[in-house]
PDB file of N, CA and C in Angstrom:
ATOM      1  N   MET A   1     117.910 132.168 141.690  1.00  0.00           N
ATOM      2  CA  MET A   1     118.614 132.799 140.448  1.00  0.00           C
ATOM      3  C   MET A   1     119.901 131.807 139.772  1.00  0.00           C
ATOM      4  N   LYS A   2     120.157 131.143 140.599  1.00  0.00           N
ATOM      5  CA  LYS A   2     121.359 130.143 140.319  1.00  0.00           C
ATOM      6  C   LYS A   2     120.337 129.021 139.187  1.00  0.00           C
ATOM      7  N   ARG A   3     119.328 128.737 139.634  1.00  0.00           N
ATOM      8  CA  ARG A   3     118.674 127.753 138.814  1.00  0.00           C
ATOM      9  C   ARG A   3     118.071 128.521 137.348  1.00  0.00           C
ATOM     10  N   LEU A   4     117.791 129.785 137.280  1.00  0.00           N
ATOM     11  CA  LEU A   4     117.526 130.484 136.159  1.00  0.00           C
ATOM     12  C   LEU A   4     118.845 130.472 135.181  1.00  0.00           C
ATOM     13  N   ILE A   5     119.999 130.897 135.870  1.00  0.00           N
ATOM     14  CA  ILE A   5     121.039 130.708 134.897  1.00  0.00           C
ATOM     15  C   ILE A   5     121.469 129.345 134.476  1.00  0.00           C
ATOM     16  N   THR A   6     121.298 128.256 135.198  1.00  0.00           N
ATOM     17  CA  THR A   6     121.413 127.038 134.627  1.00  0.00           C
ATOM     18  C   THR A   6     120.423 126.522 133.651  1.00  0.00           C
ATOM     19  N   THR A   7     119.251 126.999 133.913  1.00  0.00           N
ATOM     20  CA  THR A   7     118.438 126.750 132.839  1.00  0.00           C
ATOM     21  C   THR A   7     118.671 127.469 131.342  1.00  0.00           C
ATOM     22  N   MET A   8     119.083 128.720 131.653  1.00  0.00           N
ATOM     23  CA  MET A   8     119.449 129.592 130.264  1.00  0.00           C
ATOM     24  C   MET A   8     120.662 128.868 129.688  1.00  0.00           C
ATOM     25  N   ALA A   9     121.678 128.561 130.428  1.00  0.00           N
ATOM     26  CA  ALA A   9     122.546 128.037 129.773  1.00  0.00           C
ATOM     27  C   ALA A   9     122.534 126.537 129.066  1.00  0.00           C
ATOM     28  N   PHE A  10     121.612 125.819 129.709  1.00  0.00           N
ATOM     29  CA  PHE A  10     121.214 124.615 129.221  1.00  0.00           C
ATOM     30  C   PHE A  10     120.278 124.858 127.794  1.00  0.00           C
ATOM     31  N   ALA A  11     119.455 125.823 127.860  1.00  0.00           N
ATOM     32  CA  ALA A  11     118.741 126.246 126.645  1.00  0.00           C
ATOM     33  C   ALA A  11     119.521 126.730 125.572  1.00  0.00           C
ATOM     34  N   ALA A  12     120.523 127.523 125.808  1.00  0.00           N
ATOM     35  CA  ALA A  12     121.662 128.064 124.888  1.00  0.00           C
ATOM     36  C   ALA A  12     122.434 126.894 124.251  1.00  0.00           C
ATOM     37  N   THR A  13     122.818 125.993 125.184  1.00  0.00           N
ATOM     38  CA  THR A  13     123.394 124.751 124.484  1.00  0.00           C
ATOM     39  C   THR A  13     122.711 123.860 123.651  1.00  0.00           C
ATOM     40  N   VAL A  14     121.413 123.771 123.908  1.00  0.00           N
ATOM     41  CA  VAL A  14     120.630 123.013 123.129  1.00  0.00           C
ATOM     42  C   VAL A  14     120.150 123.724 121.922  1.00  0.00           C
ATOM     43  N   LEU A  15     119.987 125.082 121.704  1.00  0.00           N
ATOM     44  CA  LEU A  15     119.900 125.781 120.583  1.00  0.00           C
ATOM     45  C   LEU A  15     121.116 125.681 119.679  1.00  0.00           C
ATOM     46  N   THR A  16     122.210 125.848 120.368  1.00  0.00           N
ATOM     47  CA  THR A  16     123.532 126.102 119.279  1.00  0.00           C
ATOM     48  C   THR A  16     123.819 124.570 118.941  1.00  0.00           C
ATOM     49  N   ALA A  17     123.480 123.630 119.672  1.00  0.00           N
ATOM     50  CA  ALA A  17     123.773 122.321 119.354  1.00  0.00           C
ATOM     51  C   ALA A  17     123.074 121.820 117.783  1.00  0.00           C
ATOM     52  N   GLY A  18     121.834 122.348 118.088  1.00  0.00           N
ATOM     53  CA  GLY A  18     120.993 121.860 116.918  1.00  0.00           C
ATOM     54  C   GLY A  18     121.600 122.490 115.601  1.00  0.00           C
ATOM     55  N   MET A  19     122.170 123.682 115.502  1.00  0.00           N
ATOM     56  CA  MET A  19     122.842 124.156 114.545  1.00  0.00           C
ATOM     57  C   MET A  19     123.825 123.513 113.854  1.00  0.00           C
ATOM     58  N   GLY A  20     124.645 122.847 114.768  1.00  0.00           N
ATOM     59  CA  GLY A  20     125.707 122.011 114.354  1.00  0.00           C
ATOM     60  C   GLY A  20     125.244 120.550 113.729  1.00  0.00           C
ATOM     61  N   LEU A  21     124.062 120.371 113.853  1.00  0.00           N
ATOM     62  CA  LEU A  21     123.576 118.906 113.334  1.00  0.00           C
ATOM     63  C   LEU A  21     123.125 118.900 112.101  1.00  0.00           C
ATOM     64  N   ALA A  22     123.077 120.310 111.445  1.00  0.00           N
ATOM     65  CA  ALA A  22     122.583 120.228 109.961  1.00  0.00           C
ATOM     66  C   ALA A  22     123.543 119.388 109.122  1.00  0.00           C
ATOM     67  N   ALA A  23     122.854 118.428 108.427  1.00  0.00           N
ATOM     68  CA  ALA A  23     123.713 117.487 107.620  1.00  0.00           C
ATOM     69  C   ALA A  23     124.013 118.015 106.194  1.00  0.00           C
ATOM     70  N   GLU A  24     125.383 117.617 105.773  1.00  0.00           N
ATOM     71  CA  GLU A  24     125.342 117.872 104.229  1.00  0.00           C
ATOM     72  C   GLU A  24     124.458 116.641 103.476  1.00  0.00           C
ATOM     73  N   LYS A  25     124.195 117.177 102.227  1.00  0.00           N
ATOM     74  CA  LYS A  25     123.362 116.025 101.702  1.00  0.00           C
ATOM     75  C   LYS A  25     124.000 116.401 100.192  1.00  0.00           C
ATOM     76  N   THR A  26     123.996 115.201  99.376  1.00  0.00           N
ATOM     77  CA  THR A  26     124.361 115.119  98.121  1.00  0.00           C
ATOM     78  C   THR A  26     123.029 114.552  97.148  1.00  0.00           C
ATOM     79  N   VAL A  27     122.673 115.271  96.230  1.00  0.00           N
ATOM     80  CA  VAL A  27     121.724 114.717  95.092  1.00  0.00           C
ATOM     81  C   VAL A  27     122.197 114.825  93.931  1.00  0.00           C
ATOM     82  N   THR A  28     121.459 113.941  92.843  1.00  0.00           N
ATOM     83  CA  THR A  28     121.735 114.249  91.546  1.00  0.00           C
ATOM     84  C   THR A  28     120.412 114.816  90.935  1.00  0.00           C
ATOM     85  N   LEU A  29     120.645 115.683  90.110  1.00  0.00           N
ATOM     86  CA  LEU A  29     119.624 116.432  89.287  1.00  0.00           C
ATOM     87  C   LEU A  29     119.801 115.985  87.959  1.00  0.00           C
ATOM     88  N   VAL A  30     118.733 115.992  87.271  1.00  0.00           N
ATOM     89  CA  VAL A  30     118.716 115.701  85.812  1.00  0.00           C
ATOM     90  C   VAL A  30     118.443 116.971  85.201  1.00  0.00           C
ATOM     91  N   VAL A  31     119.377 117.378  84.383  1.00  0.00           N
ATOM     92  CA  VAL A  31     119.284 118.697  83.785  1.00  0.00           C
ATOM     93  C   VAL A  31     118.880 118.786  82.315  1.00  0.00           C
ATOM     94  N   GLU A  32     117.918 119.611  81.990  1.00  0.00           N
ATOM     95  CA  GLU A  32     117.448 119.686  80.697  1.00  0.00           C
ATOM     96  C   GLU A  32     118.219 120.790  79.890  1.00  0.00           C
ATOM     97  N   ASN A  33     118.050 120.761  78.573  1.00  0.00           N
ATOM     98  CA  ASN A  33     118.446 121.983  77.660  1.00  0.00           C
ATOM     99  C   ASN A  33     120.024 122.147  77.757  1.00  0.00           C
ATOM    100  N   MET A  34     120.702 121.123  78.026  1.00  0.00           N
ATOM    101  CA  MET A  34     122.351 121.318  77.719  1.00  0.00           C
ATOM    102  C   MET A  34     122.735 120.588  76.622  1.00  0.00           C
ATOM    103  N   PHE A  35     122.988 121.659  75.556  1.00  0.00           N
ATOM    104  CA  PHE A  35     123.115 121.264  74.389  1.00  0.00           C
ATOM    105  C   PHE A  35     124.579 121.582  73.724  1.00  0.00           C
ATOM    106  N   CYS A  36     125.197 122.477  74.453  1.00  0.00           N
ATOM    107  CA  CYS A  36     126.515 122.857  73.985  1.00  0.00           C
ATOM    108  C   CYS A  36     127.685 122.891  75.205  1.00  0.00           C
ATOM    109  N   ALA A  37     128.913 122.954  74.702  1.00  0.00           N
ATOM    110  CA  ALA A  37     129.933 122.970  75.773  1.00  0.00           C
ATOM    111  C   ALA A  37     129.839 123.964  76.885  1.00  0.00           C
ATOM    112  N   SER A  38     129.248 125.213  76.572  1.00  0.00           N
ATOM    113  CA  SER A  38     129.011 126.245  77.473  1.00  0.00           C
ATOM    114  C   SER A  38     128.088 125.811  78.700  1.00  0.00           C
ATOM    115  N   CYS A  39     126.905 125.037  78.362  1.00  0.00           N
ATOM    116  CA  CYS A  39     125.965 124.662  79.280  1.00  0.00           C
ATOM    117  C   CYS A  39     126.279 124.153  80.476  1.00  0.00           C
ATOM    118  N   PRO A  40     127.268 123.113  80.719  1.00  0.00           N
ATOM    119  CA  PRO A  40     127.840 122.591  81.928  1.00  0.00           C
ATOM    120  C   PRO A  40     128.256 123.752  82.921  1.00  0.00           C
ATOM    121  N   TYR A  41     128.947 124.545  82.271  1.00  0.00           N
ATOM    122  CA  TYR A  41     129.572 125.618  82.975  1.00  0.00           C
ATOM    123  C   TYR A  41     128.649 126.641  83.585  1.00  0.00           C
ATOM    124  N   ILE A  42     127.635 126.933  82.998  1.00  0.00           N
ATOM    125  CA  ILE A  42     126.465 127.571  83.402  1.00  0.00           C
ATOM    126  C   ILE A  42     125.709 127.216  84.428  1.00  0.00           C
ATOM    127  N   VAL A  43     125.384 125.878  84.241  1.00  0.00           N
ATOM    128  CA  VAL A  43     124.632 124.963  85.276  1.00  0.00           C
ATOM    129  C   VAL A  43     125.554 125.191  86.567  1.00  0.00           C
ATOM    130  N   LYS A  44     126.828 124.820  86.359  1.00  0.00           N
ATOM    131  CA  LYS A  44     127.519 124.617  87.621  1.00  0.00           C
ATOM    132  C   LYS A  44     127.680 126.031  88.346  1.00  0.00           C
ATOM    133  N   LYS A  45     128.013 127.083  87.687  1.00  0.00           N
ATOM    134  CA  LYS A  45     128.150 128.491  88.162  1.00  0.00           C
ATOM    135  C   LYS A  45     126.858 128.812  88.783  1.00  0.00           C
ATOM    136  N   THR A  46     125.581 128.305  88.285  1.00  0.00           N
ATOM    137  CA  THR A  46     124.253 128.756  88.746  1.00  0.00           C
ATOM    138  C   THR A  46     124.031 128.038  90.078  1.00  0.00           C
ATOM    139  N   LEU A  47     124.545 126.553  90.150  1.00  0.00           N
ATOM    140  CA  LEU A  47     124.116 126.127  91.320  1.00  0.00           C
ATOM    141  C   LEU A  47     125.121 126.458  92.469  1.00  0.00           C
ATOM    142  N   ALA A  48     126.345 126.739  91.996  1.00  0.00           N
ATOM    143  CA  ALA A  48     127.385 127.124  93.105  1.00  0.00           C
ATOM    144  C   ALA A  48     126.844 128.250  93.845  1.00  0.00           C
ATOM    145  N   SER A  49     126.187 129.272  92.967  1.00  0.00           N
ATOM    146  CA  SER A  49     125.645 130.452  93.613  1.00  0.00           C
ATOM    147  C   SER A  49     124.618 130.376  94.678  1.00  0.00           C
ATOM    148  N   VAL A  50     124.057 129.145  94.612  1.00  0.00           N
ATOM    149  CA  VAL A  50     122.946 128.856  95.851  1.00  0.00           C
ATOM    150  C   VAL A  50     123.537 128.922  97.078  1.00  0.00           C
ATOM    151  N   PRO A  51     123.101 129.819  98.116  1.00  0.00           N
ATOM    152  CA  PRO A  51     123.662 129.596  99.509  1.00  0.00           C
ATOM    153  C   PRO A  51     123.527 128.245 100.037  1.00  0.00           C
ATOM    154  N   GLY A  52     124.780 127.784 100.566  1.00  0.00           N
ATOM    155  CA  GLY A  52     124.764 126.582 101.307  1.00  0.00           C
ATOM    156  C   GLY A  52     125.352 125.373 100.351  1.00  0.00           C
ATOM    157  N   VAL A  53     125.420 125.686  98.888  1.00  0.00           N
ATOM    158  CA  VAL A  53     125.994 124.660  98.120  1.00  0.00           C
ATOM    159  C   VAL A  53     127.603 124.630  98.205  1.00  0.00           C
ATOM    160  N   THR A  54     128.077 123.474  98.538  1.00  0.00           N
ATOM    161  CA  THR A  54     129.485 123.211  98.772  1.00  0.00           C
ATOM    162  C   THR A  54     130.282 122.728  97.682  1.00  0.00           C
ATOM    163  N   LYS A  55     129.464 121.902  96.856  1.00  0.00           N
ATOM    164  CA  LYS A  55     130.133 121.227  95.627  1.00  0.00           C
ATOM    165  C   LYS A  55     129.301 121.109  94.480  1.00  0.00           C
ATOM    166  N   VAL A  56     129.630 121.102  93.375  1.00  0.00           N
ATOM    167  CA  VAL A  56     128.944 120.905  92.118  1.00  0.00           C
ATOM    168  C   VAL A  56     129.583 120.134  91.002  1.00  0.00           C
ATOM    169  N   ASP A  57     129.226 119.036  90.519  1.00  0.00           N
ATOM    170  CA  ASP A  57     129.797 118.297  89.462  1.00  0.00           C
ATOM    171  C   ASP A  57     128.741 118.226  88.256  1.00  0.00           C
ATOM    172  N   VAL A  58     128.928 118.771  87.206  1.00  0.00           N
ATOM    173  CA  VAL A  58     127.983 118.630  86.251  1.00  0.00           C
ATOM    174  C   VAL A  58     128.654 117.498  85.011  1.00  0.00           C
ATOM    175  N   SER A  59     127.828 116.844  84.675  1.00  0.00           N
ATOM    176  CA  SER A  59     128.097 115.892  83.467  1.00  0.00           C
ATOM    177  C   SER A  59     127.321 116.294  82.213  1.00  0.00           C
ATOM    178  N   PHE A  60     127.967 116.606  81.166  1.00  0.00           N
ATOM    179  CA  PHE A  60     127.249 117.030  79.851  1.00  0.00           C
ATOM    180  C   PHE A  60     126.937 115.835  79.260  1.00  0.00           C
ATOM    181  N   GLU A  61     127.742 114.767  79.300  1.00  0.00           N
ATOM    182  CA  GLU A  61     127.346 113.485  78.775  1.00  0.00           C
ATOM    183  C   GLU A  61     126.170 113.017  79.338  1.00  0.00           C
ATOM    184  N   ARG A  62     125.915 112.807  80.622  1.00  0.00           N
ATOM    185  CA  ARG A  62     124.849 112.151  81.262  1.00  0.00           C
ATOM    186  C   ARG A  62     123.550 113.114  81.521  1.00  0.00           C
ATOM    187  N   LYS A  63     123.841 114.407  81.285  1.00  0.00           N
ATOM    188  CA  LYS A  63     123.013 115.509  81.571  1.00  0.00           C
ATOM    189  C   LYS A  63     122.404 115.449  83.026  1.00  0.00           C
ATOM    190  N   THR A  64     123.523 115.592  83.879  1.00  0.00           N
ATOM    191  CA  THR A  64     123.197 115.609  85.243  1.00  0.00           C
ATOM    192  C   THR A  64     124.090 116.634  86.014  1.00  0.00           C
ATOM    193  N   ALA A  65     123.706 116.806  87.301  1.00  0.00           N
ATOM    194  CA  ALA A  65     124.484 117.731  88.211  1.00  0.00           C
ATOM    195  C   ALA A  65     124.517 117.009  89.527  1.00  0.00           C
ATOM    196  N   MET A  66     125.657 116.708  90.050  1.00  0.00           N
ATOM    197  CA  MET A  66     125.595 116.168  91.483  1.00  0.00           C
ATOM    198  C   MET A  66     125.883 117.345  92.333  1.00  0.00           C
ATOM    199  N   VAL A  67     125.121 117.757  93.416  1.00  0.00           N
ATOM    200  CA  VAL A  67     125.225 118.733  94.137  1.00  0.00           C
ATOM    201  C   VAL A  67     125.193 118.386  95.539  1.00  0.00           C
ATOM    202  N   THR A  68     126.235 118.960  96.307  1.00  0.00           N
ATOM    203  CA  THR A  68     126.366 118.756  97.737  1.00  0.00           C
ATOM    204  C   THR A  68     126.088 120.160  98.425  1.00  0.00           C
ATOM    205  N   PHE A  69     125.141 120.010  99.408  1.00  0.00           N
ATOM    206  CA  PHE A  69     124.672 121.252 100.020  1.00  0.00           C
ATOM    207  C   PHE A  69     124.313 121.131 101.456  1.00  0.00           C
ATOM    208  N   ASP A  70     124.390 122.208 102.277  1.00  0.00           N
ATOM    209  CA  ASP A  70     124.003 122.093 103.749  1.00  0.00           C
ATOM    210  C   ASP A  70     122.601 122.277 103.696  1.00  0.00           C
ATOM    211  N   GLU A  71     121.912 121.163 104.175  1.00  0.00           N
ATOM    212  CA  GLU A  71     120.329 121.149 104.466  1.00  0.00           C
ATOM    213  C   GLU A  71     119.788 122.349 105.226  1.00  0.00           C
ATOM    214  N   ALA A  72     120.593 122.782 106.040  1.00  0.00           N
ATOM    215  CA  ALA A  72     120.171 123.904 107.045  1.00  0.00           C
ATOM    216  C   ALA A  72     120.000 125.379 106.176  1.00  0.00           C
ATOM    217  N   LYS A  73     120.701 125.413 105.025  1.00  0.00           N
ATOM    218  CA  LYS A  73     120.857 126.740 104.247  1.00  0.00           C
ATOM    219  C   LYS A  73     120.028 126.609 103.046  1.00  0.00           C
ATOM    220  N   THR A  74     119.725 125.306 102.354  1.00  0.00           N
ATOM    221  CA  THR A  74     119.059 125.423 101.175  1.00  0.00           C
ATOM    222  C   THR A  74     118.460 124.082 101.154  1.00  0.00           C
ATOM    223  N   ASN A  75     117.635 123.784 100.010  1.00  0.00           N
ATOM    224  CA  ASN A  75     117.026 122.486  99.631  1.00  0.00           C
ATOM    225  C   ASN A  75     116.964 122.278  98.224  1.00  0.00           C
ATOM    226  N   VAL A  76     116.558 121.125  97.839  1.00  0.00           N
ATOM    227  CA  VAL A  76     116.383 120.796  96.599  1.00  0.00           C
ATOM    228  C   VAL A  76     115.475 121.604  95.522  1.00  0.00           C
ATOM    229  N   GLU A  77     114.438 122.144  96.152  1.00  0.00           N
ATOM    230  CA  GLU A  77     113.517 123.207  95.389  1.00  0.00           C
ATOM    231  C   GLU A  77     114.290 124.363  95.089  1.00  0.00           C
ATOM    232  N   ALA A  78     115.285 124.917  95.905  1.00  0.00           N
ATOM    233  CA  ALA A  78     116.007 126.120  95.526  1.00  0.00           C
ATOM    234  C   ALA A  78     116.829 125.845  94.577  1.00  0.00           C
ATOM    235  N   LEU A  79     117.582 124.499  94.428  1.00  0.00           N
ATOM    236  CA  LEU A  79     118.360 124.111  93.523  1.00  0.00           C
ATOM    237  C   LEU A  79     117.626 123.988  92.091  1.00  0.00           C
ATOM    238  N   THR A  80     116.689 123.393  92.018  1.00  0.00           N
ATOM    239  CA  THR A  80     115.781 123.349  90.747  1.00  0.00           C
ATOM    240  C   THR A  80     115.271 124.746  90.478  1.00  0.00           C
ATOM    241  N   ASP A  81     114.844 125.464  91.287  1.00  0.00           N
ATOM    242  CA  ASP A  81     114.406 126.814  90.860  1.00  0.00           C
ATOM    243  C   ASP A  81     115.587 127.608  90.237  1.00  0.00           C
ATOM    244  N   ALA A  82     116.554 127.349  90.873  1.00  0.00           N
ATOM    245  CA  ALA A  82     117.833 128.276  90.214  1.00  0.00           C
ATOM    246  C   ALA A  82     118.204 127.677  88.842  1.00  0.00           C
ATOM    247  N   THR A  83     118.291 126.279  88.641  1.00  0.00           N
ATOM    248  CA  THR A  83     118.725 126.028  87.188  1.00  0.00           C
ATOM    249  C   THR A  83     117.428 126.315  86.248  1.00  0.00           C
ATOM    250  N   PHE A  84     116.240 126.372  86.577  1.00  0.00           N
ATOM    251  CA  PHE A  84     115.050 126.691  85.798  1.00  0.00           C
ATOM    252  C   PHE A  84     115.192 128.198  85.382  1.00  0.00           C
ATOM    253  N   ASP A  85     115.596 129.030  86.389  1.00  0.00           N
ATOM    254  CA  ASP A  85     115.774 130.364  86.273  1.00  0.00           C
ATOM    255  C   ASP A  85     116.873 130.759  85.138  1.00  0.00           C
ATOM    256  N   ALA A  86     117.757 129.830  85.070  1.00  0.00           N
ATOM    257  CA  ALA A  86     119.086 130.013  84.161  1.00  0.00           C
ATOM    258  C   ALA A  86     118.671 129.290  82.806  1.00  0.00           C
ATOM    259  N   GLY A  87     117.739 128.656  82.701  1.00  0.00           N
ATOM    260  CA  GLY A  87     117.152 128.267  81.375  1.00  0.00           C
ATOM    261  C   GLY A  87     117.447 126.743  81.126  1.00  0.00           C
ATOM    262  N   TYR A  88     117.599 125.981  82.455  1.00  0.00           N
ATOM    263  CA  TYR A  88     117.971 124.701  82.605  1.00  0.00           C
ATOM    264  C   TYR A  88     117.041 123.780  83.427  1.00  0.00           C
ATOM    265  N   PRO A  89     115.866 123.823  82.989  1.00  0.00           N
ATOM    266  CA  PRO A  89     114.783 123.061  84.074  1.00  0.00           C
ATOM    267  C   PRO A  89     115.519 121.714  84.565  1.00  0.00           C
ATOM    268  N   SER A  90     115.510 121.384  85.743  1.00  0.00           N
ATOM    269  CA  SER A  90     115.994 120.145  86.282  1.00  0.00           C
ATOM    270  C   SER A  90     115.014 119.447  87.326  1.00  0.00           C
ATOM    271  N   GLU A  91     115.225 118.183  87.759  1.00  0.00           N
ATOM    272  CA  GLU A  91     114.485 117.540  88.746  1.00  0.00           C
ATOM    273  C   GLU A  91     115.369 116.647  89.294  1.00  0.00           C
ATOM    274  N   LEU A  92     115.042 116.124  90.490  1.00  0.00           N
ATOM    275  CA  LEU A  92     115.728 115.100  91.273  1.00  0.00           C
ATOM    276  C   LEU A  92     115.719 113.876  90.543  1.00  0.00           C
ATOM    277  N   ARG A  93     116.809 113.271  90.443  1.00  0.00           N
ATOM    278  CA  ARG A  93     116.990 112.007  89.930  1.00  0.00           C
ATOM    279  C   ARG A  93     116.411 110.881  90.840  1.00  0.00           C
ATOM    280  N   ASN A  94     115.606 110.032  90.586  1.00  0.00           N
ATOM    281  CA  ASN A  94     114.950 108.977  91.275  1.00  0.00           C
ATOM    282  C   ASN A  94     115.982 107.948  91.718  1.00  0.00           C
TER     283      ASN A  94
END
């Protein structure tokens, strides 16, 4: 019985430790269709609404969005899907 409890406690520790290891990642997206002063605001609000996104900086001049997000909650595909759905197709900058 003691061994079972120890094993279960170890397993719970390993499982919860994995959740804490999710890394924040920052990527730059090249964003199309930003032609007016309102566009960066719309792109920023769109990206900020994606679960897991913690920071968004949009540059109208460079036509880019720098996005910081929790990799355990979202990914680049979800970010590009969100901008596409808002009318601003984007792709990961190489």
